[in-house]
Amino acid sequence: MEILGIDIGGSGMKGAIIDSNTGELLTERHRIPTPKSRKPEAMAKTFKAIVEHFNYKGPVGCGFPTIVKKGICHAHGNLHKSWLGINAETLFSETISMPVTVINDADAAGYAVMNYGIGKDMTGLVIMITIGTGLGSGVFFNGELIPNFELGQIPYKKYEKIELYAAASIKERKNLSFKKWGKRFNIFLELVETIFCPDHIILGGGTSKDFDEFKKWIKIDTPVTPAELGNHAGLIGAAVATMHPLGH
């Protein structure tokens, strides 16, 4: 089945048509910058523009960068605070006049990696970390999703949340070297390891492709592996969520 998956981030909104049987992208990824306001109405218009780009008719799956329960945003993450309490599924569905399934973006990426990628045969507690504007997290036990973990929200020192210290956006904003940023990111992984004692950690998001540049600064005992699906994982998992509503 061919399904449109849309992955929404703090800096960009991306879409592609996915083969739900194989997890392969059937089209090139189309990206539009996230509106600067990051408000619901502006982002809904961009969402519609992505759908129209593909001239697509049918169910749409959407990975969204915050806690989502039955389509409703229970936090605003890195978006505008007005997203809190908004039913994103209803907003997007009404905007494009087609059914939309909305799930947490890191859950979507993790689901793709655990079903189509490097995590397929992994058992035990596996945590997927997506490195981008923030730090997303998808948690799986023996392949089953435990939805809506937001490990990037862990407070750290003077920071309201550790993603304000160790996300990829901070590396770019402060022009940090891979060494300096890698040490920051390792602190985050140390907290994850201490709290959860996972069997494996998988890294996704755009920065995961640079793993060789910062892996020497990762000092935790838990095995850490970059996701083979890379930055496409969120699109794949979002599309498949229309068939298997994760966390709904």
C-alpha atoms as a PDB file:
ATOM      1  CA  MET A   1       0.000   0.000   0.000  1.00  0.00           C
ATOM      2  CA  GLU A   2       1.261   3.490  -0.870  1.00  0.00           C
ATOM      3  CA  ILE A   3       0.862   5.950   2.020  1.00  0.00           C
ATOM      4  CA  LEU A   4       2.005   9.541   2.509  1.00  0.00           C
ATOM      5  CA  GLY A   5       4.114  10.027   5.606  1.00  0.00           C
ATOM      6  CA  ILE A   6       4.869  13.497   6.967  1.00  0.00           C
ATOM      7  CA  ASP A   7       7.544  14.154   9.580  1.00  0.00           C
ATOM      8  CA  ILE A   8       7.230  17.480  11.409  1.00  0.00           C
ATOM      9  CA  GLY A   9      10.236  19.011  13.112  1.00  0.00           C
ATOM     10  CA  GLY A  10      11.098  22.316  14.691  1.00  0.00           C
ATOM     11  CA  SER A  11      13.033  23.437  11.614  1.00  0.00           C
ATOM     12  CA  GLY A  12      11.475  21.494   8.741  1.00  0.00           C
ATOM     13  CA  MET A  13       8.354  19.599   7.641  1.00  0.00           C
ATOM     14  CA  LYS A  14       9.064  16.672   5.304  1.00  0.00           C
ATOM     15  CA  GLY A  15       6.920  14.273   3.315  1.00  0.00           C
ATOM     16  CA  ALA A  16       7.294  11.212   1.070  1.00  0.00           C
ATOM     17  CA  ILE A  17       5.171   8.376  -0.298  1.00  0.00           C
ATOM     18  CA  ILE A  18       6.015   5.107   1.472  1.00  0.00           C
ATOM     19  CA  ASP A  19       5.534   1.452   0.518  1.00  0.00           C
ATOM     20  CA  SER A  20       3.962   0.124   3.734  1.00  0.00           C
ATOM     21  CA  ASN A  21       5.022  -3.456   2.941  1.00  0.00           C
ATOM     22  CA  THR A  22       8.739  -2.782   2.570  1.00  0.00           C
ATOM     23  CA  GLY A  23       9.198   0.590   4.280  1.00  0.00           C
ATOM     24  CA  GLU A  24      10.840   1.965   1.135  1.00  0.00           C
ATOM     25  CA  LEU A  25      10.436   5.546  -0.075  1.00  0.00           C
ATOM     26  CA  LEU A  26       8.642   5.565  -3.422  1.00  0.00           C
ATOM     27  CA  THR A  27       9.292   9.282  -4.025  1.00  0.00           C
ATOM     28  CA  GLU A  28      11.935  11.843  -3.253  1.00  0.00           C
ATOM     29  CA  ARG A  29      11.534  13.503   0.128  1.00  0.00           C
ATOM     30  CA  HIS A  30       9.886  16.944  -0.113  1.00  0.00           C
ATOM     31  CA  ARG A  31      10.850  19.435   2.585  1.00  0.00           C
ATOM     32  CA  ILE A  32       9.384  22.823   3.493  1.00  0.00           C
ATOM     33  CA  PRO A  33      10.811  24.921   6.356  1.00  0.00           C
ATOM     34  CA  THR A  34       8.625  24.948   9.458  1.00  0.00           C
ATOM     35  CA  PRO A  35       6.914  28.376   9.685  1.00  0.00           C
ATOM     36  CA  LYS A  36       8.882  30.692  11.974  1.00  0.00           C
ATOM     37  CA  SER A  37       5.869  31.217  14.234  1.00  0.00           C
ATOM     38  CA  ARG A  38       5.478  27.430  14.718  1.00  0.00           C
ATOM     39  CA  LYS A  39       1.781  28.119  15.334  1.00  0.00           C
ATOM     40  CA  PRO A  40      -1.020  25.643  14.467  1.00  0.00           C
ATOM     41  CA  GLU A  41      -2.663  27.548  11.595  1.00  0.00           C
ATOM     42  CA  ALA A  42       0.605  28.320   9.810  1.00  0.00           C
ATOM     43  CA  MET A  43       1.865  24.767  10.191  1.00  0.00           C
ATOM     44  CA  ALA A  44      -1.459  23.353   8.979  1.00  0.00           C
ATOM     45  CA  LYS A  45      -1.061  25.382   5.761  1.00  0.00           C
ATOM     46  CA  THR A  46       2.426  23.971   5.265  1.00  0.00           C
ATOM     47  CA  PHE A  47       1.079  20.476   5.957  1.00  0.00           C
ATOM     48  CA  LYS A  48      -1.483  20.998   3.200  1.00  0.00           C
ATOM     49  CA  ALA A  49       1.209  22.242   0.811  1.00  0.00           C
ATOM     50  CA  ILE A  50       3.155  19.005   1.287  1.00  0.00           C
ATOM     51  CA  VAL A  51       0.057  16.903   0.557  1.00  0.00           C
ATOM     52  CA  GLU A  52      -0.688  18.962  -2.547  1.00  0.00           C
ATOM     53  CA  HIS A  53       2.908  18.612  -3.749  1.00  0.00           C
ATOM     54  CA  PHE A  54       2.342  14.863  -4.076  1.00  0.00           C
ATOM     55  CA  ASN A  55      -1.187  15.276  -5.481  1.00  0.00           C
ATOM     56  CA  TYR A  56      -2.089  12.664  -2.887  1.00  0.00           C
ATOM     57  CA  LYS A  57      -5.510  11.349  -1.927  1.00  0.00           C
ATOM     58  CA  GLY A  58      -5.826   8.958   0.993  1.00  0.00           C
ATOM     59  CA  PRO A  59      -4.864   8.515   4.648  1.00  0.00           C
ATOM     60  CA  VAL A  60      -1.848  10.478   5.869  1.00  0.00           C
ATOM     61  CA  GLY A  61       0.472   9.552   8.733  1.00  0.00           C
ATOM     62  CA  CYS A  62       2.200  12.315  10.680  1.00  0.00           C
ATOM     63  CA  GLY A  63       5.077  12.240  13.146  1.00  0.00           C
ATOM     64  CA  PHE A  64       4.763  15.197  15.525  1.00  0.00           C
ATOM     65  CA  PRO A  65       7.438  16.584  17.904  1.00  0.00           C
ATOM     66  CA  THR A  66       5.646  16.359  21.240  1.00  0.00           C
ATOM     67  CA  ILE A  67       3.560  14.057  23.435  1.00  0.00           C
ATOM     68  CA  VAL A  68       0.468  12.999  21.484  1.00  0.00           C
ATOM     69  CA  LYS A  69      -2.408  10.957  22.911  1.00  0.00           C
ATOM     70  CA  LYS A  70      -5.312  10.098  20.606  1.00  0.00           C
ATOM     71  CA  GLY A  71      -4.321  13.008  18.395  1.00  0.00           C
ATOM     72  CA  ILE A  72      -4.195  15.590  21.193  1.00  0.00           C
ATOM     73  CA  CYS A  73      -0.967  17.457  22.032  1.00  0.00           C
ATOM     74  CA  HIS A  74      -0.198  17.158  25.738  1.00  0.00           C
ATOM     75  CA  ALA A  75       2.823  19.466  25.484  1.00  0.00           C
ATOM     76  CA  HIS A  76       4.129  21.945  22.926  1.00  0.00           C
ATOM     77  CA  GLY A  77       7.719  20.719  22.737  1.00  0.00           C
ATOM     78  CA  ASN A  78       9.771  23.046  20.531  1.00  0.00           C
ATOM     79  CA  LEU A  79       6.675  24.490  18.868  1.00  0.00           C
ATOM     80  CA  HIS A  80       4.479  27.456  19.867  1.00  0.00           C
ATOM     81  CA  LYS A  81       2.800  27.100  23.261  1.00  0.00           C
ATOM     82  CA  SER A  82      -0.637  27.340  21.614  1.00  0.00           C
ATOM     83  CA  TRP A  83      -0.246  23.714  20.468  1.00  0.00           C
ATOM     84  CA  LEU A  84      -0.900  22.545  24.020  1.00  0.00           C
ATOM     85  CA  GLY A  85      -4.334  20.879  24.085  1.00  0.00           C
ATOM     86  CA  ILE A  86      -4.831  21.107  20.309  1.00  0.00           C
ATOM     87  CA  ASN A  87      -6.176  18.013  18.536  1.00  0.00           C
ATOM     88  CA  ALA A  88      -3.587  17.863  15.762  1.00  0.00           C
ATOM     89  CA  GLU A  89      -5.378  14.996  14.035  1.00  0.00           C
ATOM     90  CA  THR A  90      -8.570  17.025  13.751  1.00  0.00           C
ATOM     91  CA  LEU A  91      -6.715  20.167  12.640  1.00  0.00           C
ATOM     92  CA  PHE A  92      -4.751  18.447   9.887  1.00  0.00           C
ATOM     93  CA  SER A  93      -7.652  16.217   8.788  1.00  0.00           C
ATOM     94  CA  GLU A  94      -9.967  19.206   8.386  1.00  0.00           C
ATOM     95  CA  THR A  95      -7.254  21.186   6.592  1.00  0.00           C
ATOM     96  CA  ILE A  96      -6.714  18.556   3.872  1.00  0.00           C
ATOM     97  CA  SER A  97     -10.193  16.911   3.992  1.00  0.00           C
ATOM     98  CA  MET A  98      -8.582  13.484   4.451  1.00  0.00           C
ATOM     99  CA  PRO A  99      -7.948  11.283   7.502  1.00  0.00           C
ATOM    100  CA  VAL A 100      -4.691  11.983   9.339  1.00  0.00           C
ATOM    101  CA  THR A 101      -3.087   9.867  12.066  1.00  0.00           C
ATOM    102  CA  VAL A 102      -0.722  11.817  14.343  1.00  0.00           C
ATOM    103  CA  ILE A 103       1.832  10.192  16.655  1.00  0.00           C
ATOM    104  CA  ASN A 104       4.973  11.277  18.469  1.00  0.00           C
ATOM    105  CA  ASP A 105       7.792  11.724  15.945  1.00  0.00           C
ATOM    106  CA  ALA A 106      10.405   9.726  17.844  1.00  0.00           C
ATOM    107  CA  ASP A 107       7.909   6.891  18.354  1.00  0.00           C
ATOM    108  CA  ALA A 108       7.366   6.905  14.586  1.00  0.00           C
ATOM    109  CA  ALA A 109      11.100   6.827  13.849  1.00  0.00           C
ATOM    110  CA  GLY A 110      11.634   4.077  16.382  1.00  0.00           C
ATOM    111  CA  TYR A 111       8.800   1.978  14.989  1.00  0.00           C
ATOM    112  CA  ALA A 112      10.334   2.184  11.516  1.00  0.00           C
ATOM    113  CA  VAL A 113      13.793   1.190  12.742  1.00  0.00           C
ATOM    114  CA  MET A 114      12.419  -1.662  14.880  1.00  0.00           C
ATOM    115  CA  ASN A 115      10.331  -3.084  12.030  1.00  0.00           C
ATOM    116  CA  TYR A 116      12.282  -2.249   8.865  1.00  0.00           C
ATOM    117  CA  GLY A 117      15.792  -1.379  10.021  1.00  0.00           C
ATOM    118  CA  ILE A 118      18.660  -2.283  12.300  1.00  0.00           C
ATOM    119  CA  GLY A 119      16.422  -2.877  15.338  1.00  0.00           C
ATOM    120  CA  LYS A 120      14.356  -5.598  13.690  1.00  0.00           C
ATOM    121  CA  ASP A 121      15.891  -8.495  15.634  1.00  0.00           C
ATOM    122  CA  MET A 122      16.705  -6.624  18.835  1.00  0.00           C
ATOM    123  CA  THR A 123      15.096  -7.821  22.061  1.00  0.00           C
ATOM    124  CA  GLY A 124      14.938  -6.424  25.565  1.00  0.00           C
ATOM    125  CA  LEU A 125      14.751  -2.690  26.232  1.00  0.00           C
ATOM    126  CA  VAL A 126      15.730  -0.660  23.171  1.00  0.00           C
ATOM    127  CA  ILE A 127      15.695   3.145  23.161  1.00  0.00           C
ATOM    128  CA  MET A 128      15.677   5.173  19.960  1.00  0.00           C
ATOM    129  CA  ILE A 129      17.051   8.701  20.308  1.00  0.00           C
ATOM    130  CA  THR A 130      16.349  11.199  17.517  1.00  0.00           C
ATOM    131  CA  ILE A 131      18.862  14.052  17.380  1.00  0.00           C
ATOM    132  CA  GLY A 132      17.538  17.260  15.859  1.00  0.00           C
ATOM    133  CA  THR A 133      16.018  20.522  17.049  1.00  0.00           C
ATOM    134  CA  GLY A 134      15.372  18.628  20.281  1.00  0.00           C
ATOM    135  CA  LEU A 135      16.130  15.140  21.592  1.00  0.00           C
ATOM    136  CA  GLY A 136      13.273  12.753  20.876  1.00  0.00           C
ATOM    137  CA  SER A 137      12.978   9.227  22.246  1.00  0.00           C
ATOM    138  CA  GLY A 138      11.094   6.064  21.336  1.00  0.00           C
ATOM    139  CA  VAL A 139      11.147   3.194  23.832  1.00  0.00           C
ATOM    140  CA  PHE A 140      10.571  -0.464  22.913  1.00  0.00           C
ATOM    141  CA  PHE A 141      10.470  -3.640  25.010  1.00  0.00           C
ATOM    142  CA  ASN A 142      10.829  -6.846  22.999  1.00  0.00           C
ATOM    143  CA  GLY A 143       9.737  -4.928  19.915  1.00  0.00           C
ATOM    144  CA  GLU A 144       6.607  -3.413  21.468  1.00  0.00           C
ATOM    145  CA  LEU A 145       6.345   0.366  21.658  1.00  0.00           C
ATOM    146  CA  ILE A 146       5.943   2.062  25.036  1.00  0.00           C
ATOM    147  CA  PRO A 147       4.639   5.409  23.726  1.00  0.00           C
ATOM    148  CA  ASN A 148       5.356   9.030  24.590  1.00  0.00           C
ATOM    149  CA  PHE A 149       8.670   8.924  26.407  1.00  0.00           C
ATOM    150  CA  GLU A 150      10.198  12.423  26.303  1.00  0.00           C
ATOM    151  CA  LEU A 151      13.720  11.875  27.609  1.00  0.00           C
ATOM    152  CA  GLY A 152      14.904  15.179  26.149  1.00  0.00           C
ATOM    153  CA  GLN A 153      12.756  16.857  28.822  1.00  0.00           C
ATOM    154  CA  ILE A 154      14.982  15.618  31.680  1.00  0.00           C
ATOM    155  CA  PRO A 155      16.133  18.711  33.657  1.00  0.00           C
ATOM    156  CA  TYR A 156      19.888  19.283  33.714  1.00  0.00           C
ATOM    157  CA  LYS A 157      21.701  21.804  35.920  1.00  0.00           C
ATOM    158  CA  LYS A 158      20.547  25.332  35.047  1.00  0.00           C
ATOM    159  CA  TYR A 159      18.701  24.103  31.953  1.00  0.00           C
ATOM    160  CA  GLU A 160      14.947  23.588  31.966  1.00  0.00           C
ATOM    161  CA  LYS A 161      15.528  20.429  29.909  1.00  0.00           C
ATOM    162  CA  ILE A 162      18.654  18.669  28.691  1.00  0.00           C
ATOM    163  CA  GLU A 163      17.782  19.050  25.015  1.00  0.00           C
ATOM    164  CA  LEU A 164      18.515  22.767  25.503  1.00  0.00           C
ATOM    165  CA  TYR A 165      22.074  21.662  26.308  1.00  0.00           C
ATOM    166  CA  ALA A 166      22.698  18.705  24.011  1.00  0.00           C
ATOM    167  CA  ALA A 167      20.430  18.758  20.941  1.00  0.00           C
ATOM    168  CA  ALA A 168      21.840  19.138  17.418  1.00  0.00           C
ATOM    169  CA  SER A 169      20.310  22.619  17.215  1.00  0.00           C
ATOM    170  CA  ILE A 170      22.506  23.689  20.147  1.00  0.00           C
ATOM    171  CA  LYS A 171      25.599  22.392  18.358  1.00  0.00           C
ATOM    172  CA  GLU A 172      24.723  24.546  15.363  1.00  0.00           C
ATOM    173  CA  ARG A 173      23.688  27.604  17.357  1.00  0.00           C
ATOM    174  CA  LYS A 174      26.859  27.639  19.448  1.00  0.00           C
ATOM    175  CA  ASN A 175      29.060  26.361  16.604  1.00  0.00           C
ATOM    176  CA  LEU A 176      30.340  23.527  18.791  1.00  0.00           C
ATOM    177  CA  SER A 177      32.919  21.036  17.509  1.00  0.00           C
ATOM    178  CA  PHE A 178      31.922  17.372  17.384  1.00  0.00           C
ATOM    179  CA  LYS A 179      34.197  16.857  20.405  1.00  0.00           C
ATOM    180  CA  LYS A 180      32.503  19.506  22.545  1.00  0.00           C
ATOM    181  CA  TRP A 181      29.015  18.559  21.442  1.00  0.00           C
ATOM    182  CA  GLY A 182      29.747  14.831  21.679  1.00  0.00           C
ATOM    183  CA  LYS A 183      30.707  15.243  25.338  1.00  0.00           C
ATOM    184  CA  ARG A 184      27.416  17.050  25.968  1.00  0.00           C
ATOM    185  CA  PHE A 185      25.454  14.358  24.187  1.00  0.00           C
ATOM    186  CA  ASN A 186      27.283  11.693  26.184  1.00  0.00           C
ATOM    187  CA  ILE A 187      26.058  13.318  29.418  1.00  0.00           C
ATOM    188  CA  PHE A 188      22.511  12.894  28.132  1.00  0.00           C
ATOM    189  CA  LEU A 189      23.173   9.238  27.268  1.00  0.00           C
ATOM    190  CA  GLU A 190      24.678   8.682  30.728  1.00  0.00           C
ATOM    191  CA  LEU A 191      21.410   9.865  32.286  1.00  0.00           C
ATOM    192  CA  VAL A 192      19.381   7.595  29.991  1.00  0.00           C
ATOM    193  CA  GLU A 193      21.619   4.644  30.863  1.00  0.00           C
ATOM    194  CA  THR A 194      21.437   5.319  34.600  1.00  0.00           C
ATOM    195  CA  ILE A 195      17.648   5.666  34.649  1.00  0.00           C
ATOM    196  CA  PHE A 196      16.670   2.870  32.257  1.00  0.00           C
ATOM    197  CA  CYS A 197      19.664   0.509  31.907  1.00  0.00           C
ATOM    198  CA  PRO A 198      18.670  -0.265  28.284  1.00  0.00           C
ATOM    199  CA  ASP A 199      20.002  -3.193  26.272  1.00  0.00           C
ATOM    200  CA  HIS A 200      20.633  -1.029  23.218  1.00  0.00           C
ATOM    201  CA  ILE A 201      20.421   2.607  22.123  1.00  0.00           C
ATOM    202  CA  ILE A 202      19.789   3.501  18.475  1.00  0.00           C
ATOM    203  CA  LEU A 203      20.476   6.999  17.176  1.00  0.00           C
ATOM    204  CA  GLY A 204      18.289   8.618  14.517  1.00  0.00           C
ATOM    205  CA  GLY A 205      17.703  12.070  13.098  1.00  0.00           C
ATOM    206  CA  GLY A 206      19.935  14.034  10.781  1.00  0.00           C
ATOM    207  CA  THR A 207      22.971  14.074  13.094  1.00  0.00           C
ATOM    208  CA  SER A 208      23.072  10.265  13.321  1.00  0.00           C
ATOM    209  CA  LYS A 209      24.712  10.176   9.883  1.00  0.00           C
ATOM    210  CA  ASP A 210      27.738  11.894  11.478  1.00  0.00           C
ATOM    211  CA  PHE A 211      28.146   9.168  14.111  1.00  0.00           C
ATOM    212  CA  ASP A 212      31.755   8.465  13.106  1.00  0.00           C
ATOM    213  CA  GLU A 213      32.566  12.100  13.907  1.00  0.00           C
ATOM    214  CA  PHE A 214      31.486  11.911  17.558  1.00  0.00           C
ATOM    215  CA  LYS A 215      31.388   8.227  18.547  1.00  0.00           C
ATOM    216  CA  LYS A 216      34.787   8.455  20.292  1.00  0.00           C
ATOM    217  CA  TRP A 217      33.172  10.769  22.857  1.00  0.00           C
ATOM    218  CA  ILE A 218      30.391   8.291  23.684  1.00  0.00           C
ATOM    219  CA  LYS A 219      31.611   6.551  26.833  1.00  0.00           C
ATOM    220  CA  ILE A 220      28.561   4.645  28.123  1.00  0.00           C
ATOM    221  CA  ASP A 221      28.516   0.852  28.469  1.00  0.00           C
ATOM    222  CA  THR A 222      25.264   0.360  26.541  1.00  0.00           C
ATOM    223  CA  PRO A 223      25.803  -0.449  22.826  1.00  0.00           C
ATOM    224  CA  VAL A 224      25.028   2.624  20.687  1.00  0.00           C
ATOM    225  CA  THR A 225      24.271   2.232  16.964  1.00  0.00           C
ATOM    226  CA  PRO A 226      23.178   4.728  14.283  1.00  0.00           C
ATOM    227  CA  ALA A 227      19.909   3.906  12.530  1.00  0.00           C
ATOM    228  CA  GLU A 228      20.396   2.636   8.979  1.00  0.00           C
ATOM    229  CA  LEU A 229      17.193   4.371   7.905  1.00  0.00           C
ATOM    230  CA  GLY A 230      18.696   7.699   8.935  1.00  0.00           C
ATOM    231  CA  ASN A 231      16.524  10.756   8.497  1.00  0.00           C
ATOM    232  CA  HIS A 232      13.846   8.792   6.637  1.00  0.00           C
ATOM    233  CA  ALA A 233      12.763   6.743   9.655  1.00  0.00           C
ATOM    234  CA  GLY A 234      10.232   9.327  10.862  1.00  0.00           C
ATOM    235  CA  LEU A 235       8.524   9.401   7.466  1.00  0.00           C
ATOM    236  CA  ILE A 236       8.323   5.616   7.275  1.00  0.00           C
ATOM    237  CA  GLY A 237       6.973   5.150  10.794  1.00  0.00           C
ATOM    238  CA  ALA A 238       4.443   7.961  10.373  1.00  0.00           C
ATOM    239  CA  ALA A 239       3.056   6.390   7.199  1.00  0.00           C
ATOM    240  CA  VAL A 240       2.726   2.942   8.758  1.00  0.00           C
ATOM    241  CA  ALA A 241       0.964   4.472  11.779  1.00  0.00           C
ATOM    242  CA  THR A 242      -2.122   4.936   9.586  1.00  0.00           C
ATOM    243  CA  MET A 243      -2.442   1.138   9.539  1.00  0.00           C
ATOM    244  CA  HIS A 244      -1.270   0.481  13.109  1.00  0.00           C
ATOM    245  CA  PRO A 245      -2.088   3.589  15.190  1.00  0.00           C
ATOM    246  CA  LEU A 246       0.808   3.632  17.648  1.00  0.00           C
ATOM    247  CA  GLY A 247      -0.093   4.838  21.114  1.00  0.00           C
ATOM    248  CA  HIS A 248      -3.776   5.290  20.189  1.00  0.00           C
END
